[in-house]
Amino acid sequence: MRQTQVQLEDEVWNHLEARAKREGTTIEELARQAIRDRYCSSDREERRRAMMAFVGIRADRDDIGDSTEYIRELRNDDRLERLK
């Protein structure tokens, strides 16, 4: 492992310090994880994480009925024309 130094704004430091305490970790580990997640993951891994975060986000909606039919209606809708 190599060492580097980073200067952070007070606001960022305070946010990281509070989060580290909540999660029982260190600011350094939060920074390493953020860098790994942002810059070291492959596109496929990133897309998978994004999809998994999205899956089920609207599962509790009961106002749209059958999701397949809802998507078909959206595709056939003239909503873009109405926005003009």
N, C-alpha and C. Protein backbone atom coordinates (compact mmCIF):
# COMPACT_ATOMS: atom_id res chain seq x y z
N MET A 1 0.86 -1.17 0.00
CA MET A 1 0.00 0.00 0.00
C MET A 1 0.90 1.23 0.00
N ARG A 2 0.50 2.23 -0.75
CA ARG A 2 1.23 3.50 -0.79
C ARG A 2 0.47 4.56 -0.03
N GLN A 3 1.18 5.59 0.34
CA GLN A 3 0.58 6.66 1.12
C GLN A 3 0.54 7.94 0.30
N THR A 4 -0.55 8.69 0.47
CA THR A 4 -0.68 10.00 -0.18
C THR A 4 -1.34 10.95 0.80
N GLN A 5 -1.31 12.19 0.47
CA GLN A 5 -1.92 13.20 1.34
C GLN A 5 -2.94 13.98 0.52
N VAL A 6 -4.10 14.22 1.13
CA VAL A 6 -5.17 14.94 0.46
C VAL A 6 -5.67 16.02 1.41
N GLN A 7 -5.88 17.20 0.89
CA GLN A 7 -6.46 18.27 1.69
C GLN A 7 -7.96 18.34 1.38
N LEU A 8 -8.75 18.41 2.45
CA LEU A 8 -10.21 18.44 2.31
C LEU A 8 -10.76 19.71 2.94
N GLU A 9 -11.83 20.22 2.35
CA GLU A 9 -12.53 21.35 2.93
C GLU A 9 -13.10 20.93 4.29
N ASP A 10 -13.25 21.89 5.19
CA ASP A 10 -13.76 21.58 6.53
C ASP A 10 -15.12 20.88 6.47
N GLU A 11 -15.98 21.34 5.57
CA GLU A 11 -17.31 20.75 5.44
C GLU A 11 -17.23 19.26 5.06
N VAL A 12 -16.35 18.95 4.12
CA VAL A 12 -16.18 17.56 3.69
C VAL A 12 -15.60 16.73 4.83
N TRP A 13 -14.60 17.27 5.50
CA TRP A 13 -13.98 16.55 6.63
C TRP A 13 -15.02 16.25 7.70
N ASN A 14 -15.83 17.25 8.06
CA ASN A 14 -16.85 17.06 9.09
C ASN A 14 -17.85 15.99 8.69
N HIS A 15 -18.26 16.01 7.43
CA HIS A 15 -19.19 14.99 6.93
C HIS A 15 -18.57 13.60 7.03
N LEU A 16 -17.33 13.46 6.57
CA LEU A 16 -16.66 12.17 6.61
C LEU A 16 -16.42 11.70 8.04
N GLU A 17 -16.06 12.62 8.91
CA GLU A 17 -15.82 12.27 10.31
C GLU A 17 -17.09 11.72 10.97
N ALA A 18 -18.22 12.39 10.72
CA ALA A 18 -19.49 11.92 11.28
C ALA A 18 -19.88 10.56 10.71
N ARG A 19 -19.70 10.39 9.41
CA ARG A 19 -20.05 9.12 8.78
C ARG A 19 -19.16 7.99 9.29
N ALA A 20 -17.88 8.27 9.42
CA ALA A 20 -16.94 7.26 9.92
C ALA A 20 -17.34 6.81 11.33
N LYS A 21 -17.73 7.74 12.17
CA LYS A 21 -18.17 7.38 13.52
C LYS A 21 -19.42 6.52 13.47
N ARG A 22 -20.39 6.91 12.62
CA ARG A 22 -21.63 6.13 12.50
C ARG A 22 -21.35 4.71 12.04
N GLU A 23 -20.44 4.57 11.08
CA GLU A 23 -20.18 3.27 10.48
C GLU A 23 -19.08 2.49 11.18
N GLY A 24 -18.47 3.08 12.20
CA GLY A 24 -17.42 2.40 12.94
C GLY A 24 -16.18 2.14 12.09
N THR A 25 -15.80 3.11 11.29
CA THR A 25 -14.64 2.97 10.42
C THR A 25 -13.82 4.25 10.50
N THR A 26 -12.89 4.42 9.60
CA THR A 26 -12.04 5.60 9.59
C THR A 26 -12.31 6.45 8.35
N ILE A 27 -11.92 7.70 8.43
CA ILE A 27 -12.03 8.58 7.28
C ILE A 27 -11.18 8.03 6.14
N GLU A 28 -10.02 7.50 6.47
CA GLU A 28 -9.13 6.95 5.46
C GLU A 28 -9.79 5.80 4.70
N GLU A 29 -10.48 4.93 5.43
CA GLU A 29 -11.14 3.79 4.77
C GLU A 29 -12.31 4.27 3.91
N LEU A 30 -13.04 5.27 4.37
CA LEU A 30 -14.11 5.83 3.54
C LEU A 30 -13.54 6.40 2.25
N ALA A 31 -12.42 7.10 2.35
CA ALA A 31 -11.79 7.67 1.16
C ALA A 31 -11.31 6.57 0.21
N ARG A 32 -10.67 5.53 0.75
CA ARG A 32 -10.21 4.43 -0.10
C ARG A 32 -11.38 3.75 -0.81
N GLN A 33 -12.46 3.52 -0.08
CA GLN A 33 -13.63 2.87 -0.67
C GLN A 33 -14.25 3.73 -1.75
N ALA A 34 -14.36 5.04 -1.50
CA ALA A 34 -14.94 5.94 -2.49
C ALA A 34 -14.10 5.96 -3.76
N ILE A 35 -12.79 5.98 -3.61
CA ILE A 35 -11.90 5.98 -4.78
C ILE A 35 -12.03 4.66 -5.53
N ARG A 36 -12.05 3.55 -4.80
CA ARG A 36 -12.23 2.24 -5.47
C ARG A 36 -13.53 2.19 -6.23
N ASP A 37 -14.61 2.63 -5.58
CA ASP A 37 -15.94 2.58 -6.21
C ASP A 37 -16.02 3.47 -7.43
N ARG A 38 -15.42 4.64 -7.36
CA ARG A 38 -15.56 5.62 -8.44
C ARG A 38 -14.60 5.38 -9.60
N TYR A 39 -13.37 5.03 -9.30
CA TYR A 39 -12.36 5.01 -10.35
C TYR A 39 -11.79 3.63 -10.69
N CYS A 40 -12.05 2.65 -9.87
CA CYS A 40 -11.40 1.35 -10.08
C CYS A 40 -12.37 0.24 -10.49
N SER A 41 -13.64 0.50 -10.51
CA SER A 41 -14.59 -0.54 -10.89
C SER A 41 -14.77 -0.56 -12.40
N SER A 42 -15.01 -1.73 -12.91
CA SER A 42 -15.25 -1.83 -14.34
C SER A 42 -16.64 -1.29 -14.66
N ASP A 43 -16.86 -0.96 -15.91
CA ASP A 43 -18.17 -0.45 -16.31
C ASP A 43 -19.26 -1.47 -15.99
N ARG A 44 -18.96 -2.73 -16.19
CA ARG A 44 -19.96 -3.77 -15.93
C ARG A 44 -20.33 -3.81 -14.45
N GLU A 45 -19.34 -3.74 -13.58
CA GLU A 45 -19.61 -3.74 -12.15
C GLU A 45 -20.41 -2.50 -11.75
N GLU A 46 -20.05 -1.38 -12.32
CA GLU A 46 -20.75 -0.13 -12.01
C GLU A 46 -22.20 -0.19 -12.46
N ARG A 47 -22.43 -0.71 -13.65
CA ARG A 47 -23.81 -0.84 -14.15
C ARG A 47 -24.60 -1.80 -13.28
N ARG A 48 -23.96 -2.88 -12.84
CA ARG A 48 -24.64 -3.86 -11.99
C ARG A 48 -25.04 -3.22 -10.66
N ARG A 49 -24.13 -2.47 -10.06
CA ARG A 49 -24.45 -1.81 -8.79
C ARG A 49 -25.58 -0.81 -8.98
N ALA A 50 -25.55 -0.06 -10.05
CA ALA A 50 -26.60 0.92 -10.31
C ALA A 50 -27.94 0.21 -10.49
N MET A 51 -27.94 -0.88 -11.23
CA MET A 51 -29.18 -1.63 -11.45
C MET A 51 -29.70 -2.21 -10.15
N MET A 52 -28.82 -2.77 -9.34
CA MET A 52 -29.26 -3.35 -8.08
C MET A 52 -29.81 -2.28 -7.14
N ALA A 53 -29.27 -1.08 -7.21
CA ALA A 53 -29.80 0.01 -6.39
C ALA A 53 -31.17 0.43 -6.86
N PHE A 54 -31.43 0.27 -8.15
CA PHE A 54 -32.70 0.68 -8.74
C PHE A 54 -33.79 -0.38 -8.61
N VAL A 55 -33.40 -1.64 -8.62
CA VAL A 55 -34.38 -2.74 -8.61
C VAL A 55 -35.30 -2.61 -7.40
N GLY A 56 -36.56 -2.65 -7.66
CA GLY A 56 -37.56 -2.61 -6.60
C GLY A 56 -37.86 -1.22 -6.07
N ILE A 57 -37.29 -0.20 -6.67
CA ILE A 57 -37.47 1.15 -6.15
C ILE A 57 -38.94 1.58 -6.20
N ARG A 58 -39.69 1.03 -7.13
CA ARG A 58 -41.10 1.39 -7.23
C ARG A 58 -42.01 0.18 -7.00
N ALA A 59 -41.49 -0.81 -6.34
CA ALA A 59 -42.25 -2.04 -6.14
C ALA A 59 -43.51 -1.83 -5.29
N ASP A 60 -43.50 -0.83 -4.44
CA ASP A 60 -44.64 -0.62 -3.56
C ASP A 60 -45.74 0.24 -4.17
N ARG A 61 -45.57 0.64 -5.43
CA ARG A 61 -46.59 1.46 -6.09
C ARG A 61 -47.78 0.59 -6.50
N ASP A 62 -48.96 1.02 -6.14
CA ASP A 62 -50.16 0.28 -6.53
C ASP A 62 -51.01 1.09 -7.51
N ASP A 63 -50.53 2.26 -7.91
CA ASP A 63 -51.32 3.11 -8.79
C ASP A 63 -51.05 2.88 -10.27
N ILE A 64 -50.11 2.00 -10.62
CA ILE A 64 -49.80 1.80 -12.03
C ILE A 64 -50.30 0.47 -12.57
N GLY A 65 -50.78 -0.40 -11.70
CA GLY A 65 -51.30 -1.69 -12.16
C GLY A 65 -50.20 -2.58 -12.72
N ASP A 66 -50.54 -3.31 -13.77
CA ASP A 66 -49.60 -4.23 -14.40
C ASP A 66 -48.45 -3.44 -15.02
N SER A 67 -47.22 -3.75 -14.64
CA SER A 67 -46.08 -2.96 -15.10
C SER A 67 -45.86 -3.08 -16.61
N THR A 68 -46.12 -4.25 -17.18
CA THR A 68 -45.94 -4.42 -18.62
C THR A 68 -46.90 -3.51 -19.38
N GLU A 69 -48.14 -3.50 -18.95
CA GLU A 69 -49.14 -2.64 -19.60
C GLU A 69 -48.81 -1.16 -19.39
N TYR A 70 -48.33 -0.83 -18.21
CA TYR A 70 -47.95 0.55 -17.91
C TYR A 70 -46.85 1.03 -18.86
N ILE A 71 -45.84 0.21 -19.08
CA ILE A 71 -44.74 0.57 -19.99
C ILE A 71 -45.27 0.71 -21.42
N ARG A 72 -46.14 -0.19 -21.84
CA ARG A 72 -46.72 -0.08 -23.19
C ARG A 72 -47.48 1.24 -23.36
N GLU A 73 -48.22 1.62 -22.33
CA GLU A 73 -48.96 2.87 -22.39
C GLU A 73 -48.01 4.06 -22.46
N LEU A 74 -46.93 4.02 -21.72
CA LEU A 74 -45.95 5.11 -21.77
C LEU A 74 -45.34 5.24 -23.16
N ARG A 75 -45.04 4.12 -23.76
CA ARG A 75 -44.43 4.15 -25.09
C ARG A 75 -45.38 4.70 -26.15
N ASN A 76 -46.66 4.48 -25.96
CA ASN A 76 -47.64 4.96 -26.94
C ASN A 76 -48.21 6.33 -26.59
N ASP A 77 -47.84 6.86 -25.46
CA ASP A 77 -48.39 8.13 -24.98
C ASP A 77 -47.87 9.30 -25.81
N ASP A 78 -48.65 10.38 -25.84
CA ASP A 78 -48.26 11.58 -26.58
C ASP A 78 -47.74 12.66 -25.64
N ARG A 79 -47.20 12.25 -24.50
CA ARG A 79 -46.78 13.21 -23.48
C ARG A 79 -45.72 14.20 -23.99
N LEU A 80 -44.86 13.79 -24.87
CA LEU A 80 -43.85 14.70 -25.41
C LEU A 80 -44.50 15.79 -26.24
N GLU A 81 -45.51 15.44 -26.97
CA GLU A 81 -46.24 16.43 -27.76
C GLU A 81 -46.95 17.43 -26.84
N ARG A 82 -47.49 16.94 -25.75
CA ARG A 82 -48.21 17.81 -24.83
C ARG A 82 -47.28 18.80 -24.13
N LEU A 83 -46.00 18.46 -24.01
CA LEU A 83 -45.05 19.35 -23.35
C LEU A 83 -44.66 20.55 -24.20
N LYS A 84 -44.88 20.46 -25.48
CA LYS A 84 -44.48 21.56 -26.38
C LYS A 84 -45.37 22.76 -26.24
